[in-house]
Amino acid sequence: MSDADATSQPDPLATASRDIAEVPAVEIISTAALHLMSAAAVNLGLAADLPEHKDLDEARSLIDSLAGLLDAAAPSLGHHHAAPLRDGLRSLQLAFREASSIQDEPGQGPGEKYTGAVYPAATK
């Protein structure tokens, strides 16, 4: 390969950077949140194709990270994008409580330092 051939190839890193530059922050944050949500759901045993898998330590870390991300990003997301993500977070927090044989004290569950205590609807 000649020097001319090497310079005619686009730099993959530059192409990736240009692609990322075109994506709004709200989409990148939402995508990261969805990845955290999906991973937490799998570790809670909620994946249809892997229902026997359960790792509550991993789920706790993922839910904590999701809650921190949503707390920090709330001003950037706006209500339209943040509301469904917060609903998903709450669902995961409730699923964690249900899956856990040892219950956390109110306000001590995963992500609750960011969201406040999460209770099932019947116990409010």
PDB file of N, CA and C in Angstrom:
ATOM      1  N   MET A   1       0.856  -1.170   0.000  1.00  0.00           N
ATOM      2  CA  MET A   1       0.000   0.000   0.000  1.00  0.00           C
ATOM      3  C   MET A   1       0.902   1.233   0.000  1.00  0.00           C
ATOM      4  N   SER A   2       0.597   2.157  -0.867  1.00  0.00           N
ATOM      5  CA  SER A   2       1.392   3.378  -0.964  1.00  0.00           C
ATOM      6  C   SER A   2       0.920   4.408   0.046  1.00  0.00           C
ATOM      7  N   ASP A   3       1.726   5.459   0.202  1.00  0.00           N
ATOM      8  CA  ASP A   3       1.333   6.552   1.102  1.00  0.00           C
ATOM      9  C   ASP A   3       0.031   7.193   0.641  1.00  0.00           C
ATOM     10  N   ALA A   4      -0.195   7.251  -0.635  1.00  0.00           N
ATOM     11  CA  ALA A   4      -1.425   7.842  -1.176  1.00  0.00           C
ATOM     12  C   ALA A   4      -2.632   7.014  -0.775  1.00  0.00           C
ATOM     13  N   ASP A   5      -2.497   5.670  -0.792  1.00  0.00           N
ATOM     14  CA  ASP A   5      -3.605   4.805  -0.380  1.00  0.00           C
ATOM     15  C   ASP A   5      -3.912   4.988   1.099  1.00  0.00           C
ATOM     16  N   ALA A   6      -2.875   5.129   1.920  1.00  0.00           N
ATOM     17  CA  ALA A   6      -3.068   5.282   3.368  1.00  0.00           C
ATOM     18  C   ALA A   6      -3.777   6.588   3.685  1.00  0.00           C
ATOM     19  N   THR A   7      -3.491   7.642   2.941  1.00  0.00           N
ATOM     20  CA  THR A   7      -4.113   8.928   3.244  1.00  0.00           C
ATOM     21  C   THR A   7      -5.521   9.035   2.675  1.00  0.00           C
ATOM     22  N   SER A   8      -5.880   8.157   1.744  1.00  0.00           N
ATOM     23  CA  SER A   8      -7.226   8.233   1.170  1.00  0.00           C
ATOM     24  C   SER A   8      -8.258   7.552   2.062  1.00  0.00           C
ATOM     25  N   GLN A   9      -7.815   6.757   3.007  1.00  0.00           N
ATOM     26  CA  GLN A   9      -8.731   6.081   3.933  1.00  0.00           C
ATOM     27  C   GLN A   9      -9.166   7.063   5.022  1.00  0.00           C
ATOM     28  N   PRO A  10     -10.469   7.160   5.297  1.00  0.00           N
ATOM     29  CA  PRO A  10     -10.899   8.057   6.380  1.00  0.00           C
ATOM     30  C   PRO A  10     -10.449   7.518   7.734  1.00  0.00           C
ATOM     31  N   ASP A  11     -10.107   8.428   8.601  1.00  0.00           N
ATOM     32  CA  ASP A  11      -9.699   8.060   9.959  1.00  0.00           C
ATOM     33  C   ASP A  11     -10.949   7.633  10.727  1.00  0.00           C
ATOM     34  N   PRO A  12     -11.014   6.350  11.168  1.00  0.00           N
ATOM     35  CA  PRO A  12     -12.214   5.883  11.863  1.00  0.00           C
ATOM     36  C   PRO A  12     -12.530   6.684  13.125  1.00  0.00           C
ATOM     37  N   LEU A  13     -11.499   7.129  13.844  1.00  0.00           N
ATOM     38  CA  LEU A  13     -11.742   7.912  15.061  1.00  0.00           C
ATOM     39  C   LEU A  13     -12.333   9.275  14.724  1.00  0.00           C
ATOM     40  N   ALA A  14     -11.846   9.893  13.664  1.00  0.00           N
ATOM     41  CA  ALA A  14     -12.387  11.191  13.263  1.00  0.00           C
ATOM     42  C   ALA A  14     -13.824  11.043  12.799  1.00  0.00           C
ATOM     43  N   THR A  15     -14.115   9.958  12.078  1.00  0.00           N
ATOM     44  CA  THR A  15     -15.482   9.706  11.624  1.00  0.00           C
ATOM     45  C   THR A  15     -16.406   9.485  12.822  1.00  0.00           C
ATOM     46  N   ALA A  16     -15.962   8.704  13.789  1.00  0.00           N
ATOM     47  CA  ALA A  16     -16.764   8.451  14.989  1.00  0.00           C
ATOM     48  C   ALA A  16     -16.999   9.747  15.758  1.00  0.00           C
ATOM     49  N   SER A  17     -15.980  10.568  15.863  1.00  0.00           N
ATOM     50  CA  SER A  17     -16.123  11.851  16.570  1.00  0.00           C
ATOM     51  C   SER A  17     -17.138  12.748  15.878  1.00  0.00           C
ATOM     52  N   ARG A  18     -17.080  12.796  14.545  1.00  0.00           N
ATOM     53  CA  ARG A  18     -18.057  13.607  13.806  1.00  0.00           C
ATOM     54  C   ARG A  18     -19.466  13.072  14.013  1.00  0.00           C
ATOM     55  N   ASP A  19     -19.611  11.731  14.009  1.00  0.00           N
ATOM     56  CA  ASP A  19     -20.927  11.127  14.215  1.00  0.00           C
ATOM     57  C   ASP A  19     -21.470  11.476  15.599  1.00  0.00           C
ATOM     58  N   ILE A  20     -20.628  11.373  16.611  1.00  0.00           N
ATOM     59  CA  ILE A  20     -21.052  11.677  17.981  1.00  0.00           C
ATOM     60  C   ILE A  20     -21.400  13.155  18.118  1.00  0.00           C
ATOM     61  N   ALA A  21     -20.645  14.010  17.455  1.00  0.00           N
ATOM     62  CA  ALA A  21     -20.887  15.456  17.541  1.00  0.00           C
ATOM     63  C   ALA A  21     -22.282  15.826  17.030  1.00  0.00           C
ATOM     64  N   GLU A  22     -22.834  15.002  16.157  1.00  0.00           N
ATOM     65  CA  GLU A  22     -24.147  15.290  15.579  1.00  0.00           C
ATOM     66  C   GLU A  22     -25.302  14.803  16.447  1.00  0.00           C
ATOM     67  N   VAL A  23     -25.024  14.022  17.482  1.00  0.00           N
ATOM     68  CA  VAL A  23     -26.073  13.460  18.332  1.00  0.00           C
ATOM     69  C   VAL A  23     -26.320  14.387  19.513  1.00  0.00           C
ATOM     70  N   PRO A  24     -27.573  14.788  19.729  1.00  0.00           N
ATOM     71  CA  PRO A  24     -27.873  15.656  20.875  1.00  0.00           C
ATOM     72  C   PRO A  24     -27.576  14.948  22.206  1.00  0.00           C
ATOM     73  N   ALA A  25     -27.167  15.712  23.181  1.00  0.00           N
ATOM     74  CA  ALA A  25     -26.831  15.172  24.505  1.00  0.00           C
ATOM     75  C   ALA A  25     -27.988  14.377  25.092  1.00  0.00           C
ATOM     76  N   VAL A  26     -29.212  14.850  24.913  1.00  0.00           N
ATOM     77  CA  VAL A  26     -30.370  14.152  25.483  1.00  0.00           C
ATOM     78  C   VAL A  26     -30.462  12.721  24.945  1.00  0.00           C
ATOM     79  N   GLU A  27     -30.089  12.506  23.699  1.00  0.00           N
ATOM     80  CA  GLU A  27     -30.128  11.156  23.139  1.00  0.00           C
ATOM     81  C   GLU A  27     -29.025  10.273  23.709  1.00  0.00           C
ATOM     82  N   ILE A  28     -27.849  10.839  23.899  1.00  0.00           N
ATOM     83  CA  ILE A  28     -26.744  10.065  24.470  1.00  0.00           C
ATOM     84  C   ILE A  28     -27.058   9.699  25.918  1.00  0.00           C
ATOM     85  N   ILE A  29     -27.581  10.645  26.686  1.00  0.00           N
ATOM     86  CA  ILE A  29     -27.939  10.382  28.085  1.00  0.00           C
ATOM     87  C   ILE A  29     -29.050   9.338  28.149  1.00  0.00           C
ATOM     88  N   SER A  30     -30.058   9.481  27.313  1.00  0.00           N
ATOM     89  CA  SER A  30     -31.173   8.523  27.300  1.00  0.00           C
ATOM     90  C   SER A  30     -30.699   7.125  26.929  1.00  0.00           C
ATOM     91  N   THR A  31     -29.802   7.036  25.963  1.00  0.00           N
ATOM     92  CA  THR A  31     -29.269   5.738  25.552  1.00  0.00           C
ATOM     93  C   THR A  31     -28.482   5.092  26.687  1.00  0.00           C
ATOM     94  N   ALA A  32     -27.659   5.878  27.355  1.00  0.00           N
ATOM     95  CA  ALA A  32     -26.902   5.343  28.496  1.00  0.00           C
ATOM     96  C   ALA A  32     -27.862   4.863  29.585  1.00  0.00           C
ATOM     97  N   ALA A  33     -28.909   5.637  29.852  1.00  0.00           N
ATOM     98  CA  ALA A  33     -29.903   5.251  30.859  1.00  0.00           C
ATOM     99  C   ALA A  33     -30.589   3.949  30.466  1.00  0.00           C
ATOM    100  N   LEU A  34     -30.938   3.805  29.196  1.00  0.00           N
ATOM    101  CA  LEU A  34     -31.600   2.579  28.745  1.00  0.00           C
ATOM    102  C   LEU A  34     -30.690   1.363  28.867  1.00  0.00           C
ATOM    103  N   HIS A  35     -29.401   1.543  28.616  1.00  0.00           N
ATOM    104  CA  HIS A  35     -28.461   0.434  28.804  1.00  0.00           C
ATOM    105  C   HIS A  35     -28.388   0.036  30.277  1.00  0.00           C
ATOM    106  N   LEU A  36     -28.334   1.006  31.166  1.00  0.00           N
ATOM    107  CA  LEU A  36     -28.317   0.710  32.606  1.00  0.00           C
ATOM    108  C   LEU A  36     -29.606   0.015  33.031  1.00  0.00           C
ATOM    109  N   MET A  37     -30.739   0.486  32.512  1.00  0.00           N
ATOM    110  CA  MET A  37     -32.029  -0.123  32.847  1.00  0.00           C
ATOM    111  C   MET A  37     -32.086  -1.574  32.377  1.00  0.00           C
ATOM    112  N   SER A  38     -31.659  -1.814  31.159  1.00  0.00           N
ATOM    113  CA  SER A  38     -31.690  -3.167  30.600  1.00  0.00           C
ATOM    114  C   SER A  38     -30.799  -4.114  31.401  1.00  0.00           C
ATOM    115  N   ALA A  39     -29.606  -3.661  31.716  1.00  0.00           N
ATOM    116  CA  ALA A  39     -28.680  -4.496  32.484  1.00  0.00           C
ATOM    117  C   ALA A  39     -29.228  -4.777  33.881  1.00  0.00           C
ATOM    118  N   ALA A  40     -29.836  -3.776  34.506  1.00  0.00           N
ATOM    119  CA  ALA A  40     -30.424  -3.982  35.839  1.00  0.00           C
ATOM    120  C   ALA A  40     -31.566  -4.988  35.758  1.00  0.00           C
ATOM    121  N   ALA A  41     -32.401  -4.872  34.745  1.00  0.00           N
ATOM    122  CA  ALA A  41     -33.529  -5.801  34.590  1.00  0.00           C
ATOM    123  C   ALA A  41     -33.030  -7.240  34.427  1.00  0.00           C
ATOM    124  N   VAL A  42     -31.990  -7.423  33.632  1.00  0.00           N
ATOM    125  CA  VAL A  42     -31.424  -8.767  33.456  1.00  0.00           C
ATOM    126  C   VAL A  42     -30.934  -9.302  34.798  1.00  0.00           C
ATOM    127  N   ASN A  43     -30.243  -8.465  35.565  1.00  0.00           N
ATOM    128  CA  ASN A  43     -29.698  -8.906  36.852  1.00  0.00           C
ATOM    129  C   ASN A  43     -30.759  -9.074  37.930  1.00  0.00           C
ATOM    130  N   LEU A  44     -31.951  -8.572  37.678  1.00  0.00           N
ATOM    131  CA  LEU A  44     -33.076  -8.811  38.593  1.00  0.00           C
ATOM    132  C   LEU A  44     -33.863 -10.059  38.203  1.00  0.00           C
ATOM    133  N   GLY A  45     -33.434 -10.715  37.126  1.00  0.00           N
ATOM    134  CA  GLY A  45     -34.128 -11.916  36.668  1.00  0.00           C
ATOM    135  C   GLY A  45     -35.360 -11.615  35.836  1.00  0.00           C
ATOM    136  N   LEU A  46     -35.435 -10.417  35.252  1.00  0.00           N
ATOM    137  CA  LEU A  46     -36.616 -10.012  34.497  1.00  0.00           C
ATOM    138  C   LEU A  46     -36.501 -10.243  32.990  1.00  0.00           C
ATOM    139  N   ALA A  47     -35.360 -10.761  32.536  1.00  0.00           N
ATOM    140  CA  ALA A  47     -35.181 -11.014  31.101  1.00  0.00           C
ATOM    141  C   ALA A  47     -35.934 -12.280  30.720  1.00  0.00           C
ATOM    142  N   ALA A  48     -36.775 -12.192  29.708  1.00  0.00           N
ATOM    143  CA  ALA A  48     -37.580 -13.330  29.274  1.00  0.00           C
ATOM    144  C   ALA A  48     -36.723 -14.520  28.867  1.00  0.00           C
ATOM    145  N   ASP A  49     -35.571 -14.249  28.261  1.00  0.00           N
ATOM    146  CA  ASP A  49     -34.723 -15.340  27.797  1.00  0.00           C
ATOM    147  C   ASP A  49     -33.690 -15.798  28.828  1.00  0.00           C
ATOM    148  N   LEU A  50     -33.682 -15.189  30.005  1.00  0.00           N
ATOM    149  CA  LEU A  50     -32.726 -15.548  31.048  1.00  0.00           C
ATOM    150  C   LEU A  50     -33.349 -15.338  32.440  1.00  0.00           C
ATOM    151  N   PRO A  51     -34.550 -15.882  32.669  1.00  0.00           N
ATOM    152  CA  PRO A  51     -35.243 -15.592  33.933  1.00  0.00           C
ATOM    153  C   PRO A  51     -34.559 -16.177  35.170  1.00  0.00           C
ATOM    154  N   GLU A  52     -33.714 -17.190  34.985  1.00  0.00           N
ATOM    155  CA  GLU A  52     -33.049 -17.796  36.138  1.00  0.00           C
ATOM    156  C   GLU A  52     -31.851 -16.984  36.625  1.00  0.00           C
ATOM    157  N   HIS A  53     -31.405 -16.023  35.814  1.00  0.00           N
ATOM    158  CA  HIS A  53     -30.249 -15.215  36.205  1.00  0.00           C
ATOM    159  C   HIS A  53     -30.680 -14.136  37.199  1.00  0.00           C
ATOM    160  N   LYS A  54     -30.006 -14.106  38.329  1.00  0.00           N
ATOM    161  CA  LYS A  54     -30.287 -13.071  39.320  1.00  0.00           C
ATOM    162  C   LYS A  54     -28.993 -12.746  40.048  1.00  0.00           C
ATOM    163  N   ASP A  55     -28.609 -11.471  39.994  1.00  0.00           N
ATOM    164  CA  ASP A  55     -27.424 -10.994  40.705  1.00  0.00           C
ATOM    165  C   ASP A  55     -27.790  -9.630  41.291  1.00  0.00           C
ATOM    166  N   LEU A  56     -28.266  -9.651  42.524  1.00  0.00           N
ATOM    167  CA  LEU A  56     -28.768  -8.425  43.148  1.00  0.00           C
ATOM    168  C   LEU A  56     -27.663  -7.419  43.451  1.00  0.00           C
ATOM    169  N   ASP A  57     -26.440  -7.875  43.689  1.00  0.00           N
ATOM    170  CA  ASP A  57     -25.329  -6.922  43.892  1.00  0.00           C
ATOM    171  C   ASP A  57     -25.096  -6.112  42.623  1.00  0.00           C
ATOM    172  N   GLU A  58     -25.090  -6.802  41.490  1.00  0.00           N
ATOM    173  CA  GLU A  58     -24.917  -6.101  40.211  1.00  0.00           C
ATOM    174  C   GLU A  58     -26.113  -5.186  39.951  1.00  0.00           C
ATOM    175  N   ALA A  59     -27.311  -5.682  40.205  1.00  0.00           N
ATOM    176  CA  ALA A  59     -28.516  -4.875  39.985  1.00  0.00           C
ATOM    177  C   ALA A  59     -28.483  -3.611  40.835  1.00  0.00           C
ATOM    178  N   ARG A  60     -28.047  -3.742  42.093  1.00  0.00           N
ATOM    179  CA  ARG A  60     -27.965  -2.571  42.981  1.00  0.00           C
ATOM    180  C   ARG A  60     -27.024  -1.515  42.398  1.00  0.00           C
ATOM    181  N   SER A  61     -25.861  -1.940  41.939  1.00  0.00           N
ATOM    182  CA  SER A  61     -24.888  -0.996  41.358  1.00  0.00           C
ATOM    183  C   SER A  61     -25.458  -0.307  40.128  1.00  0.00           C
ATOM    184  N   LEU A  62     -26.121  -1.060  39.287  1.00  0.00           N
ATOM    185  CA  LEU A  62     -26.691  -0.498  38.064  1.00  0.00           C
ATOM    186  C   LEU A  62     -27.834   0.474  38.369  1.00  0.00           C
ATOM    187  N   ILE A  63     -28.675   0.129  39.324  1.00  0.00           N
ATOM    188  CA  ILE A  63     -29.786   1.013  39.695  1.00  0.00           C
ATOM    189  C   ILE A  63     -29.250   2.282  40.358  1.00  0.00           C
ATOM    190  N   ASP A  64     -28.247   2.149  41.214  1.00  0.00           N
ATOM    191  CA  ASP A  64     -27.615   3.338  41.815  1.00  0.00           C
ATOM    192  C   ASP A  64     -27.049   4.255  40.725  1.00  0.00           C
ATOM    193  N   SER A  65     -26.370   3.667  39.766  1.00  0.00           N
ATOM    194  CA  SER A  65     -25.781   4.452  38.676  1.00  0.00           C
ATOM    195  C   SER A  65     -26.857   5.132  37.846  1.00  0.00           C
ATOM    196  N   LEU A  66     -27.924   4.418  37.551  1.00  0.00           N
ATOM    197  CA  LEU A  66     -29.036   4.988  36.787  1.00  0.00           C
ATOM    198  C   LEU A  66     -29.650   6.166  37.540  1.00  0.00           C
ATOM    199  N   ALA A  67     -29.885   5.983  38.832  1.00  0.00           N
ATOM    200  CA  ALA A  67     -30.484   7.061  39.635  1.00  0.00           C
ATOM    201  C   ALA A  67     -29.574   8.283  39.670  1.00  0.00           C
ATOM    202  N   GLY A  68     -28.278   8.061  39.828  1.00  0.00           N
ATOM    203  CA  GLY A  68     -27.331   9.180  39.836  1.00  0.00           C
ATOM    204  C   GLY A  68     -27.298   9.904  38.499  1.00  0.00           C
ATOM    205  N   LEU A  69     -27.305   9.138  37.416  1.00  0.00           N
ATOM    206  CA  LEU A  69     -27.318   9.735  36.083  1.00  0.00           C
ATOM    207  C   LEU A  69     -28.566  10.575  35.877  1.00  0.00           C
ATOM    208  N   LEU A  70     -29.724  10.023  36.219  1.00  0.00           N
ATOM    209  CA  LEU A  70     -30.978  10.760  36.021  1.00  0.00           C
ATOM    210  C   LEU A  70     -31.051  11.989  36.916  1.00  0.00           C
ATOM    211  N   ASP A  71     -30.542  11.882  38.128  1.00  0.00           N
ATOM    212  CA  ASP A  71     -30.528  13.033  39.030  1.00  0.00           C
ATOM    213  C   ASP A  71     -29.656  14.153  38.455  1.00  0.00           C
ATOM    214  N   ALA A  72     -28.467  13.786  37.988  1.00  0.00           N
ATOM    215  CA  ALA A  72     -27.545  14.787  37.451  1.00  0.00           C
ATOM    216  C   ALA A  72     -28.030  15.357  36.120  1.00  0.00           C
ATOM    217  N   ALA A  73     -28.680  14.543  35.316  1.00  0.00           N
ATOM    218  CA  ALA A  73     -29.072  14.961  33.965  1.00  0.00           C
ATOM    219  C   ALA A  73     -30.464  15.560  33.888  1.00  0.00           C
ATOM    220  N   ALA A  74     -31.220  15.552  34.967  1.00  0.00           N
ATOM    221  CA  ALA A  74     -32.616  16.024  34.928  1.00  0.00           C
ATOM    222  C   ALA A  74     -32.778  17.403  34.287  1.00  0.00           C
ATOM    223  N   PRO A  75     -31.949  18.387  34.625  1.00  0.00           N
ATOM    224  CA  PRO A  75     -32.123  19.692  33.990  1.00  0.00           C
ATOM    225  C   PRO A  75     -31.923  19.657  32.470  1.00  0.00           C
ATOM    226  N   SER A  76     -31.040  18.801  32.002  1.00  0.00           N
ATOM    227  CA  SER A  76     -30.779  18.696  30.566  1.00  0.00           C
ATOM    228  C   SER A  76     -31.844  17.899  29.831  1.00  0.00           C
ATOM    229  N   LEU A  77     -32.448  16.932  30.525  1.00  0.00           N
ATOM    230  CA  LEU A  77     -33.418  16.057  29.878  1.00  0.00           C
ATOM    231  C   LEU A  77     -34.776  16.709  29.686  1.00  0.00           C
ATOM    232  N   GLY A  78     -35.179  17.522  30.630  1.00  0.00           N
ATOM    233  CA  GLY A  78     -36.525  18.083  30.573  1.00  0.00           C
ATOM    234  C   GLY A  78     -37.542  17.013  30.942  1.00  0.00           C
ATOM    235  N   HIS A  79     -38.754  17.446  31.243  1.00  0.00           N
ATOM    236  CA  HIS A  79     -39.797  16.525  31.720  1.00  0.00           C
ATOM    237  C   HIS A  79     -40.149  15.468  30.677  1.00  0.00           C
ATOM    238  N   HIS A  80     -40.223  15.873  29.423  1.00  0.00           N
ATOM    239  CA  HIS A  80     -40.645  14.960  28.355  1.00  0.00           C
ATOM    240  C   HIS A  80     -39.755  13.720  28.281  1.00  0.00           C
ATOM    241  N   HIS A  81     -38.458  13.873  28.434  1.00  0.00           N
ATOM    242  CA  HIS A  81     -37.534  12.735  28.373  1.00  0.00           C
ATOM    243  C   HIS A  81     -37.309  12.111  29.740  1.00  0.00           C
ATOM    244  N   ALA A  82     -37.314  12.916  30.795  1.00  0.00           N
ATOM    245  CA  ALA A  82     -36.984  12.404  32.127  1.00  0.00           C
ATOM    246  C   ALA A  82     -38.101  11.561  32.729  1.00  0.00           C
ATOM    247  N   ALA A  83     -39.355  11.917  32.509  1.00  0.00           N
ATOM    248  CA  ALA A  83     -40.471  11.221  33.157  1.00  0.00           C
ATOM    249  C   ALA A  83     -40.489   9.715  32.876  1.00  0.00           C
ATOM    250  N   PRO A  84     -40.407   9.272  31.625  1.00  0.00           N
ATOM    251  CA  PRO A  84     -40.427   7.819  31.408  1.00  0.00           C
ATOM    252  C   PRO A  84     -39.190   7.115  31.970  1.00  0.00           C
ATOM    253  N   LEU A  85     -38.059   7.795  31.972  1.00  0.00           N
ATOM    254  CA  LEU A  85     -36.855   7.192  32.548  1.00  0.00           C
ATOM    255  C   LEU A  85     -36.997   7.067  34.063  1.00  0.00           C
ATOM    256  N   ARG A  86     -37.572   8.070  34.699  1.00  0.00           N
ATOM    257  CA  ARG A  86     -37.813   7.987  36.150  1.00  0.00           C
ATOM    258  C   ARG A  86     -38.824   6.892  36.475  1.00  0.00           C
ATOM    259  N   ASP A  87     -39.839   6.736  35.623  1.00  0.00           N
ATOM    260  CA  ASP A  87     -40.810   5.650  35.825  1.00  0.00           C
ATOM    261  C   ASP A  87     -40.120   4.291  35.743  1.00  0.00           C
ATOM    262  N   GLY A  88     -39.235   4.147  34.764  1.00  0.00           N
ATOM    263  CA  GLY A  88     -38.484   2.897  34.630  1.00  0.00           C
ATOM    264  C   GLY A  88     -37.594   2.643  35.834  1.00  0.00           C
ATOM    265  N   LEU A  89     -36.950   3.690  36.318  1.00  0.00           N
ATOM    266  CA  LEU A  89     -36.120   3.580  37.515  1.00  0.00           C
ATOM    267  C   LEU A  89     -36.950   3.117  38.702  1.00  0.00           C
ATOM    268  N   ARG A  90     -38.098   3.723  38.894  1.00  0.00           N
ATOM    269  CA  ARG A  90     -38.968   3.347  40.015  1.00  0.00           C
ATOM    270  C   ARG A  90     -39.394   1.880  39.900  1.00  0.00           C
ATOM    271  N   SER A  91     -39.714   1.448  38.691  1.00  0.00           N
ATOM    272  CA  SER A  91     -40.096   0.048  38.480  1.00  0.00           C
ATOM    273  C   SER A  91     -38.953  -0.895  38.854  1.00  0.00           C
ATOM    274  N   LEU A  92     -37.744  -0.529  38.490  1.00  0.00           N
ATOM    275  CA  LEU A  92     -36.591  -1.352  38.846  1.00  0.00           C
ATOM    276  C   LEU A  92     -36.363  -1.360  40.349  1.00  0.00           C
ATOM    277  N   GLN A  93     -36.540  -0.210  40.994  1.00  0.00           N
ATOM    278  CA  GLN A  93     -36.377  -0.148  42.450  1.00  0.00           C
ATOM    279  C   GLN A  93     -37.405  -1.042  43.146  1.00  0.00           C
ATOM    280  N   LEU A  94     -38.628  -1.015  42.661  1.00  0.00           N
ATOM    281  CA  LEU A  94     -39.670  -1.872  43.250  1.00  0.00           C
ATOM    282  C   LEU A  94     -39.378  -3.346  42.979  1.00  0.00           C
ATOM    283  N   ALA A  95     -38.909  -3.659  41.769  1.00  0.00           N
ATOM    284  CA  ALA A  95     -38.563  -5.043  41.441  1.00  0.00           C
ATOM    285  C   ALA A  95     -37.412  -5.521  42.320  1.00  0.00           C
ATOM    286  N   PHE A  96     -36.481  -4.637  42.623  1.00  0.00           N
ATOM    287  CA  PHE A  96     -35.367  -5.003  43.499  1.00  0.00           C
ATOM    288  C   PHE A  96     -35.897  -5.343  44.888  1.00  0.00           C
ATOM    289  N   ARG A  97     -36.795  -4.509  45.411  1.00  0.00           N
ATOM    290  CA  ARG A  97     -37.380  -4.785  46.736  1.00  0.00           C
ATOM    291  C   ARG A  97     -38.077  -6.141  46.747  1.00  0.00           C
ATOM    292  N   GLU A  98     -38.805  -6.421  45.683  1.00  0.00           N
ATOM    293  CA  GLU A  98     -39.535  -7.683  45.594  1.00  0.00           C
ATOM    294  C   GLU A  98     -38.582  -8.874  45.487  1.00  0.00           C
ATOM    295  N   ALA A  99     -37.484  -8.717  44.781  1.00  0.00           N
ATOM    296  CA  ALA A  99     -36.540  -9.813  44.569  1.00  0.00           C
ATOM    297  C   ALA A  99     -35.635 -10.067  45.771  1.00  0.00           C
ATOM    298  N   SER A 100     -35.483  -9.070  46.629  1.00  0.00           N
ATOM    299  CA  SER A 100     -34.550  -9.166  47.743  1.00  0.00           C
ATOM    300  C   SER A 100     -35.179  -9.876  48.937  1.00  0.00           C
ATOM    301  N   SER A 101     -34.467 -10.865  49.467  1.00  0.00           N
ATOM    302  CA  SER A 101     -34.975 -11.565  50.653  1.00  0.00           C
ATOM    303  C   SER A 101     -34.703 -10.774  51.924  1.00  0.00           C
ATOM    304  N   ILE A 102     -33.728  -9.885  51.894  1.00  0.00           N
ATOM    305  CA  ILE A 102     -33.417  -9.014  53.029  1.00  0.00           C
ATOM    306  C   ILE A 102     -33.773  -7.595  52.605  1.00  0.00           C
ATOM    307  N   GLN A 103     -34.766  -7.026  53.242  1.00  0.00           N
ATOM    308  CA  GLN A 103     -35.258  -5.711  52.843  1.00  0.00           C
ATOM    309  C   GLN A 103     -34.369  -4.589  53.383  1.00  0.00           C
ATOM    310  N   ASP A 104     -34.083  -3.640  52.503  1.00  0.00           N
ATOM    311  CA  ASP A 104     -33.355  -2.437  52.904  1.00  0.00           C
ATOM    312  C   ASP A 104     -34.296  -1.557  53.720  1.00  0.00           C
ATOM    313  N   GLU A 105     -33.713  -0.781  54.616  1.00  0.00           N
ATOM    314  CA  GLU A 105     -34.493   0.222  55.334  1.00  0.00           C
ATOM    315  C   GLU A 105     -35.012   1.249  54.327  1.00  0.00           C
ATOM    316  N   PRO A 106     -36.157   1.877  54.591  1.00  0.00           N
ATOM    317  CA  PRO A 106     -36.655   2.910  53.677  1.00  0.00           C
ATOM    318  C   PRO A 106     -35.591   3.989  53.455  1.00  0.00           C
ATOM    319  N   GLY A 107     -35.375   4.318  52.191  1.00  0.00           N
ATOM    320  CA  GLY A 107     -34.374   5.310  51.830  1.00  0.00           C
ATOM    321  C   GLY A 107     -32.989   4.740  51.635  1.00  0.00           C
ATOM    322  N   GLN A 108     -32.796   3.444  51.917  1.00  0.00           N
ATOM    323  CA  GLN A 108     -31.485   2.808  51.790  1.00  0.00           C
ATOM    324  C   GLN A 108     -31.405   1.851  50.606  1.00  0.00           C
ATOM    325  N   GLY A 109     -32.487   1.683  49.874  1.00  0.00           N
ATOM    326  CA  GLY A 109     -32.487   0.803  48.710  1.00  0.00           C
ATOM    327  C   GLY A 109     -31.679   1.413  47.575  1.00  0.00           C
ATOM    328  N   PRO A 110     -31.496   0.648  46.510  1.00  0.00           N
ATOM    329  CA  PRO A 110     -30.690   1.148  45.399  1.00  0.00           C
ATOM    330  C   PRO A 110     -31.288   2.414  44.783  1.00  0.00           C
ATOM    331  N   GLY A 111     -30.450   3.422  44.677  1.00  0.00           N
ATOM    332  CA  GLY A 111     -30.856   4.687  44.066  1.00  0.00           C
ATOM    333  C   GLY A 111     -31.672   5.599  44.945  1.00  0.00           C
ATOM    334  N   GLU A 112     -32.061   5.136  46.123  1.00  0.00           N
ATOM    335  CA  GLU A 112     -32.954   5.926  46.970  1.00  0.00           C
ATOM    336  C   GLU A 112     -32.280   7.143  47.585  1.00  0.00           C
ATOM    337  N   LYS A 113     -30.960   7.199  47.587  1.00  0.00           N
ATOM    338  CA  LYS A 113     -30.313   8.424  48.072  1.00  0.00           C
ATOM    339  C   LYS A 113     -30.559   9.562  47.085  1.00  0.00           C
ATOM    340  N   TYR A 114     -30.917   9.231  45.845  1.00  0.00           N
ATOM    341  CA  TYR A 114     -31.237  10.239  44.827  1.00  0.00           C
ATOM    342  C   TYR A 114     -32.743  10.465  44.687  1.00  0.00           C
ATOM    343  N   THR A 115     -33.527   9.408  44.889  1.00  0.00           N
ATOM    344  CA  THR A 115     -34.973   9.490  44.620  1.00  0.00           C
ATOM    345  C   THR A 115     -35.828   9.609  45.873  1.00  0.00           C
ATOM    346  N   GLY A 116     -35.258   9.320  47.012  1.00  0.00           N
ATOM    347  CA  GLY A 116     -36.059   9.179  48.227  1.00  0.00           C
ATOM    348  C   GLY A 116     -36.591   7.760  48.296  1.00  0.00           C
ATOM    349  N   ALA A 117     -37.196   7.412  49.401  1.00  0.00           N
ATOM    350  CA  ALA A 117     -37.697   6.061  49.611  1.00  0.00           C
ATOM    351  C   ALA A 117     -38.750   5.711  48.571  1.00  0.00           C
ATOM    352  N   VAL A 118     -38.713   4.471  48.115  1.00  0.00           N
ATOM    353  CA  VAL A 118     -39.660   3.974  47.118  1.00  0.00           C
ATOM    354  C   VAL A 118     -40.476   2.878  47.778  1.00  0.00           C
ATOM    355  N   TYR A 119     -41.797   3.011  47.714  1.00  0.00           N
ATOM    356  CA  TYR A 119     -42.714   2.038  48.305  1.00  0.00           C
ATOM    357  C   TYR A 119     -43.674   1.532  47.254  1.00  0.00           C
ATOM    358  N   PRO A 120     -44.110   0.289  47.369  1.00  0.00           N
ATOM    359  CA  PRO A 120     -45.195  -0.166  46.484  1.00  0.00           C
ATOM    360  C   PRO A 120     -46.430   0.705  46.717  1.00  0.00           C
ATOM    361  N   ALA A 121     -47.257   0.860  45.716  1.00  0.00           N
ATOM    362  CA  ALA A 121     -48.413   1.752  45.780  1.00  0.00           C
ATOM    363  C   ALA A 121     -49.336   1.449  46.957  1.00  0.00           C
ATOM    364  N   ALA A 122     -49.472   0.188  47.334  1.00  0.00           N
ATOM    365  CA  ALA A 122     -50.402  -0.194  48.403  1.00  0.00           C
ATOM    366  C   ALA A 122     -49.913   0.223  49.788  1.00  0.00           C
ATOM    367  N   THR A 123     -48.620   0.528  49.958  1.00  0.00           N
ATOM    368  CA  THR A 123     -48.102   0.824  51.299  1.00  0.00           C
ATOM    369  C   THR A 123     -47.892   2.301  51.548  1.00  0.00           C
ATOM    370  N   LYS A 124     -48.332   3.162  50.647  1.00  0.00           N
ATOM    371  CA  LYS A 124     -48.130   4.605  50.852  1.00  0.00           C
ATOM    372  C   LYS A 124     -48.976   5.132  51.969  1.00  0.00           C
TER     373      LYS A 124
END
